[in-house]
Amino acid sequence: MKFEQYEYNICGHYLSAIINGDYSGLDDSEEAELNEFLDSAAEHGNGHWSVDSEEPDFCTDEVSGLLADCYECTYNVPVTIGV
């Protein structure tokens, strides 16, 4: 199976919500911000997330737009071939 991959830098603070659906560490504004980001990513299609880096890098978080310790993450959307 082939995947279309979309790469993002995401603050570690959001990963539990993205990977496990556990929003307990986020306040209401962070939850709304993350849901808006996830809705935007889902416009590529129904996919799944992977965390591609083991160590964070200090860069701009693509969820909040703020500088943070971010992990390289990929949104993987299956590609239908030969339909």
C-alpha atoms as a PDB file:
ATOM      1  CA  MET A   1       0.000   0.000   0.000  1.00  0.00           C
ATOM      2  CA  LYS A   2       1.276   3.446  -0.871  1.00  0.00           C
ATOM      3  CA  PHE A   3       0.763   6.604   1.155  1.00  0.00           C
ATOM      4  CA  GLU A   4       0.776  10.303   0.414  1.00  0.00           C
ATOM      5  CA  GLN A   5       2.775  11.832   3.264  1.00  0.00           C
ATOM      6  CA  TYR A   6       2.388  15.320   4.716  1.00  0.00           C
ATOM      7  CA  GLU A   7       5.112  16.448   7.113  1.00  0.00           C
ATOM      8  CA  TYR A   8       4.594  18.745  10.098  1.00  0.00           C
ATOM      9  CA  ASN A   9       6.589  20.002  13.085  1.00  0.00           C
ATOM     10  CA  ILE A  10       4.369  19.534  16.133  1.00  0.00           C
ATOM     11  CA  CYS A  11       5.013  20.440  19.763  1.00  0.00           C
ATOM     12  CA  GLY A  12       5.273  17.399  22.018  1.00  0.00           C
ATOM     13  CA  HIS A  13       2.532  18.918  24.167  1.00  0.00           C
ATOM     14  CA  TYR A  14      -0.051  17.953  21.510  1.00  0.00           C
ATOM     15  CA  LEU A  15       1.129  14.432  20.703  1.00  0.00           C
ATOM     16  CA  SER A  16      -0.901  12.581  23.324  1.00  0.00           C
ATOM     17  CA  ALA A  17      -4.075  14.110  21.919  1.00  0.00           C
ATOM     18  CA  ILE A  18      -3.078  13.400  18.308  1.00  0.00           C
ATOM     19  CA  ILE A  19      -1.851   9.830  18.787  1.00  0.00           C
ATOM     20  CA  ASN A  20      -3.973   8.599  21.724  1.00  0.00           C
ATOM     21  CA  GLY A  21      -6.993  10.932  21.695  1.00  0.00           C
ATOM     22  CA  ASP A  22      -6.046  12.077  25.235  1.00  0.00           C
ATOM     23  CA  TYR A  23      -6.804  15.803  25.470  1.00  0.00           C
ATOM     24  CA  SER A  24      -6.482  15.919  29.290  1.00  0.00           C
ATOM     25  CA  GLY A  25      -3.224  17.933  29.177  1.00  0.00           C
ATOM     26  CA  LEU A  26      -4.692  20.704  27.009  1.00  0.00           C
ATOM     27  CA  ASP A  27      -6.766  23.701  28.041  1.00  0.00           C
ATOM     28  CA  ASP A  28      -9.877  24.662  26.073  1.00  0.00           C
ATOM     29  CA  SER A  29      -8.091  27.096  23.735  1.00  0.00           C
ATOM     30  CA  GLU A  30      -5.316  24.569  22.966  1.00  0.00           C
ATOM     31  CA  GLU A  31      -7.911  21.890  22.288  1.00  0.00           C
ATOM     32  CA  ALA A  32      -9.768  24.166  19.872  1.00  0.00           C
ATOM     33  CA  GLU A  33      -6.484  25.138  18.179  1.00  0.00           C
ATOM     34  CA  LEU A  34      -5.488  21.479  17.786  1.00  0.00           C
ATOM     35  CA  ASN A  35      -8.893  20.449  16.446  1.00  0.00           C
ATOM     36  CA  GLU A  36      -8.703  23.210  13.826  1.00  0.00           C
ATOM     37  CA  PHE A  37      -5.246  21.950  12.807  1.00  0.00           C
ATOM     38  CA  LEU A  38      -6.431  18.319  12.645  1.00  0.00           C
ATOM     39  CA  ASP A  39      -9.452  19.299  10.550  1.00  0.00           C
ATOM     40  CA  SER A  40      -7.104  21.079   8.154  1.00  0.00           C
ATOM     41  CA  ALA A  41      -4.827  18.020   7.892  1.00  0.00           C
ATOM     42  CA  ALA A  42      -7.857  15.760   7.353  1.00  0.00           C
ATOM     43  CA  GLU A  43      -8.694  17.721   4.190  1.00  0.00           C
ATOM     44  CA  HIS A  44      -5.959  15.592   2.558  1.00  0.00           C
ATOM     45  CA  GLY A  45      -8.058  12.496   3.256  1.00  0.00           C
ATOM     46  CA  ASN A  46      -8.591   9.926   5.990  1.00  0.00           C
ATOM     47  CA  GLY A  47      -5.133   9.013   7.280  1.00  0.00           C
ATOM     48  CA  HIS A  48      -3.077   8.250  10.349  1.00  0.00           C
ATOM     49  CA  TRP A  49      -0.258  10.009  12.195  1.00  0.00           C
ATOM     50  CA  SER A  50       3.295   8.890  12.843  1.00  0.00           C
ATOM     51  CA  VAL A  51       6.003  10.538  14.923  1.00  0.00           C
ATOM     52  CA  ASP A  52       9.206  10.361  12.918  1.00  0.00           C
ATOM     53  CA  SER A  53      11.780  11.873  15.271  1.00  0.00           C
ATOM     54  CA  GLU A  54      12.946  10.616  18.642  1.00  0.00           C
ATOM     55  CA  GLU A  55      14.322  13.933  19.860  1.00  0.00           C
ATOM     56  CA  PRO A  56      12.600  17.308  19.642  1.00  0.00           C
ATOM     57  CA  ASP A  57      13.954  20.259  17.712  1.00  0.00           C
ATOM     58  CA  PHE A  58      13.312  23.851  18.817  1.00  0.00           C
ATOM     59  CA  CYS A  59      11.315  25.305  15.925  1.00  0.00           C
ATOM     60  CA  THR A  60       7.914  26.724  15.007  1.00  0.00           C
ATOM     61  CA  ASP A  61       5.040  24.487  16.034  1.00  0.00           C
ATOM     62  CA  GLU A  62       2.614  24.180  13.129  1.00  0.00           C
ATOM     63  CA  VAL A  63      -0.388  23.853  15.458  1.00  0.00           C
ATOM     64  CA  SER A  64       0.095  27.047  17.472  1.00  0.00           C
ATOM     65  CA  GLY A  65       2.594  28.987  15.367  1.00  0.00           C
ATOM     66  CA  LEU A  66       4.792  29.426  18.454  1.00  0.00           C
ATOM     67  CA  LEU A  67       8.388  28.353  19.000  1.00  0.00           C
ATOM     68  CA  ALA A  68       8.525  25.089  20.937  1.00  0.00           C
ATOM     69  CA  ASP A  69      10.238  21.715  21.252  1.00  0.00           C
ATOM     70  CA  CYS A  70       8.722  20.014  18.203  1.00  0.00           C
ATOM     71  CA  TYR A  71       8.784  16.545  16.755  1.00  0.00           C
ATOM     72  CA  GLU A  72       8.731  15.729  13.059  1.00  0.00           C
ATOM     73  CA  CYS A  73       5.368  14.097  12.398  1.00  0.00           C
ATOM     74  CA  THR A  74       3.797  12.723   9.250  1.00  0.00           C
ATOM     75  CA  TYR A  75       0.134  12.483   8.303  1.00  0.00           C
ATOM     76  CA  ASN A  76      -0.114   9.384   6.084  1.00  0.00           C
ATOM     77  CA  VAL A  77      -3.044   9.121   3.669  1.00  0.00           C
ATOM     78  CA  PRO A  78      -3.516   5.876   1.691  1.00  0.00           C
ATOM     79  CA  VAL A  79      -3.358   6.293  -2.086  1.00  0.00           C
ATOM     80  CA  THR A  80      -5.641   4.196  -4.268  1.00  0.00           C
ATOM     81  CA  ILE A  81      -3.758   2.935  -7.303  1.00  0.00           C
ATOM     82  CA  GLY A  82      -5.429   1.753 -10.479  1.00  0.00           C
ATOM     83  CA  VAL A  83      -9.008   2.708  -9.715  1.00  0.00           C
END
